[in-house]
Amino acid sequence: MTDQVRWAGQRTFEDGAPFLARLEPKDADALRALGHRVQYRPRDVVLRQDDPSAHALILEKGWTKVTVSAANGYEALLALRGPGDLIGESAGFSEQFRAATVTALEEVTAVTIERETFIRFVRSTAQVAYQLAHLASDRQRTGDRRRLELAALDVRQRLAVVLLELAAKHGRPTAEGIEITIPLSQQELAGAVGSSREAVSRLYRELRGRGIIRTGRRAIVILQHERLRRIASVV
């Protein structure tokens, strides 16, 4: 198995472990108690790029996407964040504007914590501060590795790798194959592989024609997992 395929089942879109899972239970409970719960519907904007930073959020239920938009309108998909993940904390500490947009992909429940309250808690709890620094390091390392590994692949391989990643983490076995349960559009997948929606659409048609995947509206079923792995591993 090549390196390109080996990491396809890891949390390359996500953190090595959700932030809450890194904390002692008492610290996790204390952190949640500092805020209040909010809910978002699918496609609601949770945080918006370039907005002032006033709070951080801990996701309790549901998945979100993290994207950045270029001046020409192109939107890159950087990460998926889900239950236990912390979002919006970086801009709060740096006192800068939001670097990315976070959008709900499904029904999302989160705990929102005001910026100053969050900072005071982190400063007063050494273990939480340590784990927050560890999280930032993990995210930086994961992002750097992902950019390097995907840069060595063509668009067809990158799409295959992303589909394998999603199937490994968000796949549900069905009679046909593996259904990816995260609702991502072709435009969003294009942002994940650094290409255009038109290119992804062409590749979808090719993969459907070869009987490797079946697609619907924001729905993908991998019918032939091993064939998709072979596409990802071509060098």
Protein backbone atom coordinates (compact mmCIF):
# COMPACT_ATOMS: atom_id res chain seq x y z
CA MET A 1 0.00 0.00 0.00
CA THR A 2 1.42 3.40 -0.94
CA ASP A 3 1.70 6.40 1.35
CA GLN A 4 -1.05 8.17 -0.58
CA VAL A 5 -3.56 5.48 0.36
CA ARG A 6 -2.22 4.75 3.85
CA TRP A 7 -3.24 8.12 5.21
CA ALA A 8 -6.58 8.16 3.40
CA GLY A 9 -8.35 6.63 6.39
CA GLN A 10 -6.93 9.03 8.96
CA ARG A 11 -8.54 12.25 10.27
CA THR A 12 -6.80 14.41 7.67
CA PHE A 13 -9.84 16.69 7.44
CA GLU A 14 -10.15 16.77 11.21
CA ASP A 15 -8.13 17.01 14.40
CA GLY A 16 -6.27 13.99 15.77
CA ALA A 17 -8.76 14.01 18.66
CA PRO A 18 -11.57 16.44 19.47
CA PHE A 19 -10.58 19.13 21.95
CA LEU A 20 -12.96 17.97 24.68
CA ALA A 21 -11.59 14.42 24.46
CA ARG A 22 -8.12 15.81 25.28
CA LEU A 23 -9.31 17.32 28.58
CA GLU A 24 -9.92 15.83 31.99
CA PRO A 25 -13.69 15.33 32.46
CA LYS A 26 -13.83 17.98 35.18
CA ASP A 27 -12.12 20.53 32.94
CA ALA A 28 -14.39 19.70 30.00
CA ASP A 29 -17.48 20.09 32.20
CA ALA A 30 -16.18 23.38 33.64
CA LEU A 31 -15.50 24.75 30.16
CA ARG A 32 -18.97 23.86 28.88
CA ALA A 33 -20.50 25.47 31.97
CA LEU A 34 -19.00 28.83 30.99
CA GLY A 35 -21.24 29.25 27.97
CA HIS A 36 -24.74 28.71 26.69
CA ARG A 37 -26.13 26.40 24.03
CA VAL A 38 -27.03 27.55 20.57
CA GLN A 39 -28.45 25.65 17.61
CA TYR A 40 -27.89 25.99 13.88
CA ARG A 41 -29.81 24.63 10.93
CA PRO A 42 -28.11 23.02 7.92
CA ARG A 43 -26.20 25.65 5.89
CA ASP A 44 -26.38 28.27 8.64
CA VAL A 45 -23.15 30.28 8.99
CA VAL A 46 -21.69 29.66 12.45
CA LEU A 47 -18.65 31.94 12.07
CA ARG A 48 -17.93 34.24 9.16
CA GLN A 49 -14.55 35.03 7.62
CA ASP A 50 -13.33 38.59 8.36
CA ASP A 51 -15.87 39.16 11.13
CA PRO A 52 -14.61 40.44 14.52
CA SER A 53 -13.89 37.69 17.03
CA ALA A 54 -16.19 37.81 20.07
CA HIS A 55 -16.55 34.17 21.11
CA ALA A 56 -15.40 30.57 20.70
CA LEU A 57 -17.64 27.54 20.33
CA ILE A 58 -17.54 23.91 21.38
CA LEU A 59 -19.48 21.67 19.02
CA GLU A 60 -21.70 19.15 20.79
CA LYS A 61 -23.75 17.70 17.95
CA GLY A 62 -23.53 17.76 14.16
CA TRP A 63 -20.81 18.52 11.62
CA THR A 64 -19.55 21.75 10.13
CA LYS A 65 -17.19 22.73 7.32
CA VAL A 66 -14.35 25.24 7.60
CA THR A 67 -13.73 27.25 4.43
CA VAL A 68 -11.75 30.26 3.24
CA SER A 69 -12.75 32.44 0.31
CA ALA A 70 -10.32 34.10 -2.09
CA ALA A 71 -10.84 37.53 -3.62
CA ASN A 72 -12.00 35.91 -6.88
CA GLY A 73 -14.73 33.97 -5.05
CA TYR A 74 -13.03 30.56 -4.99
CA GLU A 75 -13.82 28.72 -1.76
CA ALA A 76 -11.37 26.17 -0.34
CA LEU A 77 -12.56 23.51 2.08
CA LEU A 78 -9.97 23.31 4.84
CA ALA A 79 -11.49 21.03 7.46
CA LEU A 80 -14.53 19.36 8.94
CA ARG A 81 -15.31 19.94 12.60
CA GLY A 82 -17.72 17.88 14.67
CA PRO A 83 -18.72 16.84 18.19
CA GLY A 84 -16.13 17.79 20.80
CA ASP A 85 -14.25 20.14 18.49
CA LEU A 86 -13.34 23.71 19.41
CA ILE A 87 -13.77 26.44 16.80
CA GLY A 88 -13.15 30.16 16.75
CA GLU A 89 -10.52 30.20 19.46
CA SER A 90 -7.52 31.31 17.38
CA ALA A 91 -8.92 34.68 16.36
CA GLY A 92 -9.95 35.30 19.96
CA PHE A 93 -6.44 34.92 21.30
CA SER A 94 -4.84 36.91 18.50
CA GLU A 95 -7.52 39.64 18.65
CA GLN A 96 -7.77 39.49 14.86
CA PHE A 97 -10.68 39.00 12.50
CA ARG A 98 -11.95 35.52 11.69
CA ALA A 99 -9.62 33.75 9.27
CA ALA A 100 -12.26 31.33 7.97
CA THR A 101 -15.99 30.68 7.68
CA VAL A 102 -17.61 27.81 9.56
CA THR A 103 -20.91 26.52 8.16
CA ALA A 104 -23.28 23.90 9.53
CA LEU A 105 -23.64 20.86 7.26
CA GLU A 106 -26.50 19.45 9.33
CA GLU A 107 -28.34 20.27 12.53
CA VAL A 108 -25.67 21.56 14.93
CA THR A 109 -25.73 22.17 18.67
CA ALA A 110 -22.84 24.12 20.19
CA VAL A 111 -21.81 25.89 23.37
CA THR A 112 -20.77 29.49 22.77
CA ILE A 113 -18.30 31.06 25.20
CA GLU A 114 -17.50 34.77 25.24
CA ARG A 115 -13.93 35.57 24.26
CA GLU A 116 -12.78 37.09 27.56
CA THR A 117 -14.39 34.31 29.59
CA PHE A 118 -12.67 31.68 27.48
CA ILE A 119 -9.29 33.37 27.73
CA ARG A 120 -9.53 33.71 31.53
CA PHE A 121 -10.39 30.03 31.86
CA VAL A 122 -7.48 28.91 29.70
CA ARG A 123 -5.04 31.15 31.58
CA SER A 124 -6.21 29.80 34.93
CA THR A 125 -6.08 26.12 33.98
CA ALA A 126 -2.62 24.91 33.00
CA GLN A 127 -3.73 21.55 31.59
CA VAL A 128 -6.33 23.21 29.36
CA ALA A 129 -3.73 25.69 28.11
CA TYR A 130 -1.35 22.82 27.35
CA GLN A 131 -3.99 20.89 25.42
CA LEU A 132 -4.99 24.01 23.49
CA ALA A 133 -1.37 24.50 22.41
CA HIS A 134 -1.20 20.82 21.48
CA LEU A 135 -4.36 21.19 19.40
CA ALA A 136 -2.94 24.17 17.52
CA SER A 137 0.25 22.22 16.80
CA ASP A 138 -1.71 19.20 15.57
CA ARG A 139 -3.82 21.33 13.25
CA GLN A 140 -0.76 23.04 11.81
CA ARG A 141 1.07 19.74 11.28
CA THR A 142 -1.98 18.08 9.74
CA GLY A 143 -2.54 20.99 7.37
CA ASP A 144 1.10 21.08 6.28
CA ARG A 145 1.17 17.32 5.68
CA ARG A 146 -2.07 17.37 3.76
CA ARG A 147 -0.95 20.16 1.44
CA LEU A 148 2.32 18.36 0.72
CA GLU A 149 0.72 14.97 0.05
CA LEU A 150 -2.10 16.29 -2.13
CA ALA A 151 0.31 18.45 -4.12
CA ALA A 152 1.96 15.26 -5.41
CA LEU A 153 -1.33 13.96 -6.86
CA ASP A 154 -3.42 14.89 -9.88
CA VAL A 155 -7.06 15.95 -9.50
CA ARG A 156 -8.41 12.43 -10.11
CA GLN A 157 -6.20 11.01 -7.38
CA ARG A 158 -7.00 13.86 -4.99
CA LEU A 159 -10.72 13.31 -5.41
CA ALA A 160 -10.31 9.57 -4.83
CA VAL A 161 -8.27 10.23 -1.68
CA VAL A 162 -10.85 12.69 -0.31
CA LEU A 163 -13.70 10.25 -0.97
CA LEU A 164 -11.76 7.50 0.82
CA GLU A 165 -11.12 9.80 3.77
CA LEU A 166 -14.79 10.68 4.02
CA ALA A 167 -15.81 7.04 3.72
CA ALA A 168 -13.38 6.01 6.46
CA LYS A 169 -14.69 8.55 8.96
CA HIS A 170 -18.25 9.21 7.79
CA GLY A 171 -19.11 6.05 5.88
CA ARG A 172 -22.16 3.89 6.53
CA PRO A 173 -22.25 0.35 5.09
CA THR A 174 -25.22 -0.31 2.83
CA ALA A 175 -26.27 -3.16 0.55
CA GLU A 176 -24.61 -1.30 -2.35
CA GLY A 177 -21.39 -0.20 -0.71
CA ILE A 178 -20.33 2.64 1.61
CA GLU A 179 -22.55 5.70 1.83
CA ILE A 180 -20.83 8.94 2.81
CA THR A 181 -23.09 10.56 5.39
CA ILE A 182 -21.59 14.07 5.34
CA PRO A 183 -23.64 16.11 2.82
CA LEU A 184 -21.01 17.77 0.61
CA SER A 185 -21.79 19.27 -2.78
CA GLN A 186 -19.60 19.00 -5.88
CA GLN A 187 -18.55 22.61 -5.30
CA GLU A 188 -17.44 21.78 -1.76
CA LEU A 189 -15.51 18.72 -2.93
CA ALA A 190 -13.86 20.89 -5.57
CA GLY A 191 -12.74 23.18 -2.76
CA ALA A 192 -11.32 20.17 -0.91
CA VAL A 193 -9.21 18.99 -3.86
CA GLY A 194 -8.15 22.39 -5.17
CA SER A 195 -10.02 22.19 -8.44
CA SER A 196 -13.18 23.46 -10.13
CA ARG A 197 -16.74 22.18 -9.82
CA GLU A 198 -16.67 21.42 -13.54
CA ALA A 199 -13.61 19.19 -13.14
CA VAL A 200 -15.19 17.34 -10.22
CA SER A 201 -18.40 16.94 -12.21
CA ARG A 202 -16.47 15.35 -15.07
CA LEU A 203 -14.71 12.99 -12.69
CA TYR A 204 -18.04 12.09 -11.08
CA ARG A 205 -19.38 11.13 -14.50
CA GLU A 206 -16.29 9.04 -15.17
CA LEU A 207 -16.49 7.24 -11.81
CA ARG A 208 -20.23 6.66 -12.21
CA GLY A 209 -19.70 5.34 -15.72
CA ARG A 210 -17.13 2.86 -14.42
CA GLY A 211 -19.51 1.73 -11.67
CA ILE A 212 -17.22 2.94 -8.88
CA ILE A 213 -19.61 5.42 -7.24
CA ARG A 214 -23.26 6.39 -7.28
CA THR A 215 -24.21 10.00 -6.61
CA GLY A 216 -27.30 12.03 -5.79
CA ARG A 217 -27.93 15.47 -4.36
CA ARG A 218 -25.14 15.85 -1.77
CA ALA A 219 -25.07 12.06 -1.54
CA ILE A 220 -22.30 9.64 -2.54
CA VAL A 221 -22.15 5.85 -2.32
CA ILE A 222 -18.83 4.14 -3.00
CA LEU A 223 -19.72 0.95 -4.86
CA GLN A 224 -16.22 -0.37 -5.53
CA HIS A 225 -13.92 0.64 -2.70
CA GLU A 226 -10.83 -1.22 -3.91
CA ARG A 227 -11.01 0.30 -7.39
CA LEU A 228 -11.19 3.74 -5.83
CA ARG A 229 -8.16 2.92 -3.68
CA ARG A 230 -6.24 1.92 -6.80
CA ILE A 231 -7.04 5.28 -8.40
CA ALA A 232 -5.76 7.07 -5.30
CA SER A 233 -2.54 5.03 -5.25
CA VAL A 234 -1.44 5.58 -8.87
CA VAL A 235 1.96 7.29 -8.96
